[in-house]
Amino acid sequence: MKFNAAILFAAAQAVGVLSSAVSLDSSAPGNIQKRECWHGQNYGCSESGFCWKKCGGDHTGAWCWTARNDGFGNWYTCSEDNDCSTAMPCSQAVDGCDDCGCSC
């Protein structure tokens, strides 16, 4: 079997393009992603329809998903930012909930 360097080079380029980091615009509240730090508004409604709020101090960038029942219930749902508030408690990390708690 003959070795073709052009095929190897094309495959390496494809892998590089497919594995490159995707840049998310976190300047829009609906684009907040799990645990990238947030320095925008104090609370909001995610694109997937769940409330979140900043927590852990004003300048840390930490935030949390909010939940009913003092943070141990179902997550608050929303259709717009005004459905949420900073008075909603953060969801608590129980039973393997990797998305719970206040961090970034």
C-alpha atoms as a PDB file:
ATOM      1  CA  MET A   1       0.000   0.000   0.000  1.00  0.00           C
ATOM      2  CA  LYS A   2       1.350   3.393  -0.991  1.00  0.00           C
ATOM      3  CA  PHE A   3       1.456   6.170   1.614  1.00  0.00           C
ATOM      4  CA  ASN A   4      -0.224   9.360   0.470  1.00  0.00           C
ATOM      5  CA  ALA A   5       0.859  12.404   2.495  1.00  0.00           C
ATOM      6  CA  ALA A   6      -1.884  14.570   0.989  1.00  0.00           C
ATOM      7  CA  ILE A   7      -4.590  12.345   2.477  1.00  0.00           C
ATOM      8  CA  LEU A   8      -2.882  12.386   5.872  1.00  0.00           C
ATOM      9  CA  PHE A   9      -2.573  16.192   5.730  1.00  0.00           C
ATOM     10  CA  ALA A  10      -6.265  16.633   4.796  1.00  0.00           C
ATOM     11  CA  ALA A  11      -7.346  14.325   7.621  1.00  0.00           C
ATOM     12  CA  ALA A  12      -5.222  16.239  10.138  1.00  0.00           C
ATOM     13  CA  GLN A  13      -6.761  19.533   9.008  1.00  0.00           C
ATOM     14  CA  ALA A  14     -10.294  18.141   9.336  1.00  0.00           C
ATOM     15  CA  VAL A  15      -9.604  16.937  12.872  1.00  0.00           C
ATOM     16  CA  GLY A  16      -8.177  20.334  13.800  1.00  0.00           C
ATOM     17  CA  VAL A  17     -11.211  22.195  12.472  1.00  0.00           C
ATOM     18  CA  LEU A  18     -13.714  19.857  14.096  1.00  0.00           C
ATOM     19  CA  SER A  19     -11.991  19.969  17.473  1.00  0.00           C
ATOM     20  CA  SER A  20     -11.356  23.716  17.661  1.00  0.00           C
ATOM     21  CA  ALA A  21     -12.986  25.630  20.482  1.00  0.00           C
ATOM     22  CA  VAL A  22     -16.343  27.234  19.869  1.00  0.00           C
ATOM     23  CA  SER A  23     -16.559  30.824  21.000  1.00  0.00           C
ATOM     24  CA  LEU A  24     -19.792  31.541  22.852  1.00  0.00           C
ATOM     25  CA  ASP A  25     -21.063  35.091  23.145  1.00  0.00           C
ATOM     26  CA  SER A  26     -21.791  35.273  26.859  1.00  0.00           C
ATOM     27  CA  SER A  27     -22.668  38.962  26.655  1.00  0.00           C
ATOM     28  CA  ALA A  28     -26.323  38.092  26.044  1.00  0.00           C
ATOM     29  CA  PRO A  29     -28.141  36.742  29.134  1.00  0.00           C
ATOM     30  CA  GLY A  30     -29.846  33.914  27.229  1.00  0.00           C
ATOM     31  CA  ASN A  31     -26.440  32.583  26.194  1.00  0.00           C
ATOM     32  CA  ILE A  32     -25.182  31.894  29.702  1.00  0.00           C
ATOM     33  CA  GLN A  33     -23.538  28.477  29.750  1.00  0.00           C
ATOM     34  CA  LYS A  34     -22.838  26.113  32.595  1.00  0.00           C
ATOM     35  CA  ARG A  35     -20.076  27.539  34.716  1.00  0.00           C
ATOM     36  CA  GLU A  36     -18.460  30.096  32.504  1.00  0.00           C
ATOM     37  CA  CYS A  37     -18.251  33.168  34.721  1.00  0.00           C
ATOM     38  CA  TRP A  38     -20.954  35.776  34.225  1.00  0.00           C
ATOM     39  CA  HIS A  39     -20.384  39.497  34.711  1.00  0.00           C
ATOM     40  CA  GLY A  40     -23.617  40.807  33.210  1.00  0.00           C
ATOM     41  CA  GLN A  41     -27.046  41.367  34.720  1.00  0.00           C
ATOM     42  CA  ASN A  42     -27.964  39.873  38.113  1.00  0.00           C
ATOM     43  CA  TYR A  43     -30.531  37.309  36.953  1.00  0.00           C
ATOM     44  CA  GLY A  44     -32.240  36.051  33.836  1.00  0.00           C
ATOM     45  CA  CYS A  45     -33.961  33.357  31.831  1.00  0.00           C
ATOM     46  CA  SER A  46     -31.795  30.951  29.823  1.00  0.00           C
ATOM     47  CA  GLU A  47     -32.535  30.018  26.209  1.00  0.00           C
ATOM     48  CA  SER A  48     -33.642  26.620  27.538  1.00  0.00           C
ATOM     49  CA  GLY A  49     -36.231  28.266  29.822  1.00  0.00           C
ATOM     50  CA  PHE A  50     -34.671  28.077  33.301  1.00  0.00           C
ATOM     51  CA  CYS A  51     -34.043  30.904  35.778  1.00  0.00           C
ATOM     52  CA  TRP A  52     -30.523  31.691  36.968  1.00  0.00           C
ATOM     53  CA  LYS A  53     -29.003  34.381  39.171  1.00  0.00           C
ATOM     54  CA  LYS A  54     -25.615  35.731  40.185  1.00  0.00           C
ATOM     55  CA  CYS A  55     -24.380  34.510  43.559  1.00  0.00           C
ATOM     56  CA  GLY A  56     -21.230  34.430  45.657  1.00  0.00           C
ATOM     57  CA  GLY A  57     -20.431  38.140  45.521  1.00  0.00           C
ATOM     58  CA  ASP A  58     -20.725  40.870  42.951  1.00  0.00           C
ATOM     59  CA  HIS A  59     -17.324  40.518  41.311  1.00  0.00           C
ATOM     60  CA  THR A  60     -16.755  36.755  41.281  1.00  0.00           C
ATOM     61  CA  GLY A  61     -18.815  35.993  38.186  1.00  0.00           C
ATOM     62  CA  ALA A  62     -20.343  32.990  39.990  1.00  0.00           C
ATOM     63  CA  TRP A  63     -23.965  32.128  39.257  1.00  0.00           C
ATOM     64  CA  CYS A  64     -26.495  29.361  39.864  1.00  0.00           C
ATOM     65  CA  TRP A  65     -29.653  27.817  38.504  1.00  0.00           C
ATOM     66  CA  THR A  66     -32.580  28.598  40.810  1.00  0.00           C
ATOM     67  CA  ALA A  67     -34.881  25.993  42.373  1.00  0.00           C
ATOM     68  CA  ARG A  68     -38.096  25.795  44.370  1.00  0.00           C
ATOM     69  CA  ASN A  69     -38.393  24.397  47.922  1.00  0.00           C
ATOM     70  CA  ASP A  70     -35.430  26.376  49.307  1.00  0.00           C
ATOM     71  CA  GLY A  71     -33.242  25.163  46.447  1.00  0.00           C
ATOM     72  CA  PHE A  72     -34.039  21.448  46.781  1.00  0.00           C
ATOM     73  CA  GLY A  73     -37.034  21.292  44.423  1.00  0.00           C
ATOM     74  CA  ASN A  74     -37.573  21.595  40.701  1.00  0.00           C
ATOM     75  CA  TRP A  75     -35.761  24.352  38.877  1.00  0.00           C
ATOM     76  CA  TYR A  76     -37.734  27.537  38.234  1.00  0.00           C
ATOM     77  CA  THR A  77     -38.859  27.793  34.625  1.00  0.00           C
ATOM     78  CA  CYS A  78     -39.330  30.980  32.645  1.00  0.00           C
ATOM     79  CA  SER A  79     -40.063  32.452  29.265  1.00  0.00           C
ATOM     80  CA  GLU A  80     -38.425  35.848  29.860  1.00  0.00           C
ATOM     81  CA  ASP A  81     -36.008  37.501  32.286  1.00  0.00           C
ATOM     82  CA  ASN A  82     -38.819  39.160  34.257  1.00  0.00           C
ATOM     83  CA  ASP A  83     -40.115  35.697  35.282  1.00  0.00           C
ATOM     84  CA  CYS A  84     -36.973  35.326  37.434  1.00  0.00           C
ATOM     85  CA  SER A  85     -35.504  37.263  40.373  1.00  0.00           C
ATOM     86  CA  THR A  86     -32.557  37.399  42.741  1.00  0.00           C
ATOM     87  CA  ALA A  87     -34.905  36.306  45.560  1.00  0.00           C
ATOM     88  CA  MET A  88     -35.099  32.785  44.113  1.00  0.00           C
ATOM     89  CA  PRO A  89     -32.791  30.363  45.976  1.00  0.00           C
ATOM     90  CA  CYS A  90     -29.901  28.610  44.244  1.00  0.00           C
ATOM     91  CA  SER A  91     -30.383  24.930  43.443  1.00  0.00           C
ATOM     92  CA  GLN A  92     -28.540  22.725  45.925  1.00  0.00           C
ATOM     93  CA  ALA A  93     -26.091  19.986  44.953  1.00  0.00           C
ATOM     94  CA  VAL A  94     -27.753  16.704  45.908  1.00  0.00           C
ATOM     95  CA  ASP A  95     -27.725  13.218  44.389  1.00  0.00           C
ATOM     96  CA  GLY A  96     -25.178  13.900  41.679  1.00  0.00           C
ATOM     97  CA  CYS A  97     -26.596  17.198  40.434  1.00  0.00           C
ATOM     98  CA  ASP A  98     -23.472  18.499  38.692  1.00  0.00           C
ATOM     99  CA  ASP A  99     -25.319  21.627  37.553  1.00  0.00           C
ATOM    100  CA  CYS A 100     -26.370  22.678  41.069  1.00  0.00           C
ATOM    101  CA  GLY A 101     -24.700  25.114  43.428  1.00  0.00           C
ATOM    102  CA  CYS A 102     -23.039  28.500  43.020  1.00  0.00           C
ATOM    103  CA  SER A 103     -19.842  28.598  40.960  1.00  0.00           C
ATOM    104  CA  CYS A 104     -18.226  29.399  37.644  1.00  0.00           C
END
